[in-house]
């Protein structure tokens, strides 16, 4: 299917584009297998929630000891 005065069908070459991600690569702690470096960007409230859970479980445990 030619358009205009074109004599050949021109197919543009597919170029490979490198996808550059803004997410950090590798590990948060170099020697640790967990967590991945992107963990902070995916779950920004994780430290806060973990702290609250530790406090709640700690208070529950202390109340059982009394």
C-alpha atoms as a PDB file:
ATOM      1  CA  UNK A   1       0.000   0.000   0.000  1.00  0.00           C
ATOM      2  CA  UNK A   2       1.851   3.061  -1.212  1.00  0.00           C
ATOM      3  CA  UNK A   3       0.936   6.613  -0.446  1.00  0.00           C
ATOM      4  CA  UNK A   4       1.578   9.564  -2.706  1.00  0.00           C
ATOM      5  CA  UNK A   5       4.584   9.223  -4.982  1.00  0.00           C
ATOM      6  CA  UNK A   6       6.361   6.594  -2.893  1.00  0.00           C
ATOM      7  CA  UNK A   7       7.530   3.607  -4.872  1.00  0.00           C
ATOM      8  CA  UNK A   8       8.587   1.392  -1.970  1.00  0.00           C
ATOM      9  CA  UNK A   9       6.889   0.460   1.217  1.00  0.00           C
ATOM     10  CA  UNK A  10       8.911   2.118   3.947  1.00  0.00           C
ATOM     11  CA  UNK A  11       8.854   0.407   7.310  1.00  0.00           C
ATOM     12  CA  UNK A  12      10.521   2.337  10.101  1.00  0.00           C
ATOM     13  CA  UNK A  13      13.205   0.431  11.957  1.00  0.00           C
ATOM     14  CA  UNK A  14      12.291  -0.496  15.464  1.00  0.00           C
ATOM     15  CA  UNK A  15      14.671   1.167  17.839  1.00  0.00           C
ATOM     16  CA  UNK A  16      15.332  -0.291  21.233  1.00  0.00           C
ATOM     17  CA  UNK A  17      14.734   2.268  23.924  1.00  0.00           C
ATOM     18  CA  UNK A  18      16.304   1.839  27.299  1.00  0.00           C
ATOM     19  CA  UNK A  19      13.807   2.279  30.065  1.00  0.00           C
ATOM     20  CA  UNK A  20      15.431   4.400  32.724  1.00  0.00           C
ATOM     21  CA  UNK A  21      13.760   3.920  36.052  1.00  0.00           C
ATOM     22  CA  UNK A  22      13.896   6.460  38.851  1.00  0.00           C
ATOM     23  CA  UNK A  23      13.562   3.640  41.364  1.00  0.00           C
ATOM     24  CA  UNK A  24      16.755   2.690  43.141  1.00  0.00           C
ATOM     25  CA  UNK A  25      18.295  -0.605  42.164  1.00  0.00           C
ATOM     26  CA  UNK A  26      19.977  -3.211  44.326  1.00  0.00           C
ATOM     27  CA  UNK A  27      19.529  -3.583  48.065  1.00  0.00           C
ATOM     28  CA  UNK A  28      18.813  -1.111  50.832  1.00  0.00           C
ATOM     29  CA  UNK A  29      21.542  -2.753  52.924  1.00  0.00           C
ATOM     30  CA  UNK A  30      24.270  -4.131  50.683  1.00  0.00           C
ATOM     31  CA  UNK A  31      24.826  -7.376  52.605  1.00  0.00           C
ATOM     32  CA  UNK A  32      21.165  -8.065  53.336  1.00  0.00           C
ATOM     33  CA  UNK A  33      18.945 -10.131  51.044  1.00  0.00           C
ATOM     34  CA  UNK A  34      15.951  -8.051  52.182  1.00  0.00           C
ATOM     35  CA  UNK A  35      14.523  -5.451  51.590  1.00  0.00           C
ATOM     36  CA  UNK A  36      15.032  -4.349  47.994  1.00  0.00           C
ATOM     37  CA  UNK A  37      16.002  -0.718  47.463  1.00  0.00           C
ATOM     38  CA  UNK A  38      12.576   0.099  46.013  1.00  0.00           C
ATOM     39  CA  UNK A  39      10.907  -0.954  49.270  1.00  0.00           C
ATOM     40  CA  UNK A  40      11.055   2.591  50.693  1.00  0.00           C
ATOM     41  CA  UNK A  41       9.313   4.091  47.689  1.00  0.00           C
ATOM     42  CA  UNK A  42       6.609   1.408  47.559  1.00  0.00           C
ATOM     43  CA  UNK A  43       5.801   1.395  51.275  1.00  0.00           C
ATOM     44  CA  UNK A  44       6.739   4.776  52.792  1.00  0.00           C
ATOM     45  CA  UNK A  45       4.626   4.221  55.957  1.00  0.00           C
ATOM     46  CA  UNK A  46       6.220   0.881  56.810  1.00  0.00           C
ATOM     47  CA  UNK A  47       8.544   2.160  59.599  1.00  0.00           C
ATOM     48  CA  UNK A  48       5.649   3.994  61.283  1.00  0.00           C
ATOM     49  CA  UNK A  49       3.302   1.011  61.090  1.00  0.00           C
ATOM     50  CA  UNK A  50       5.994  -1.370  62.327  1.00  0.00           C
ATOM     51  CA  UNK A  51       6.718   0.907  65.296  1.00  0.00           C
ATOM     52  CA  UNK A  52       3.018   1.054  66.224  1.00  0.00           C
ATOM     53  CA  UNK A  53       2.753  -2.735  65.972  1.00  0.00           C
ATOM     54  CA  UNK A  54       5.782  -3.239  68.226  1.00  0.00           C
ATOM     55  CA  UNK A  55       4.361  -0.844  70.828  1.00  0.00           C
ATOM     56  CA  UNK A  56       0.909  -2.477  70.786  1.00  0.00           C
ATOM     57  CA  UNK A  57       2.289  -6.017  70.995  1.00  0.00           C
ATOM     58  CA  UNK A  58       4.756  -4.940  73.689  1.00  0.00           C
ATOM     59  CA  UNK A  59       1.998  -3.416  75.807  1.00  0.00           C
ATOM     60  CA  UNK A  60      -0.141  -6.522  75.373  1.00  0.00           C
ATOM     61  CA  UNK A  61       2.767  -8.758  76.398  1.00  0.00           C
ATOM     62  CA  UNK A  62       3.553  -6.624  79.462  1.00  0.00           C
ATOM     63  CA  UNK A  63      -0.109  -6.672  80.517  1.00  0.00           C
ATOM     64  CA  UNK A  64      -0.059 -10.497  80.381  1.00  0.00           C
ATOM     65  CA  UNK A  65       2.955 -10.622  82.713  1.00  0.00           C
ATOM     66  CA  UNK A  66       1.175  -8.658  85.462  1.00  0.00           C
END
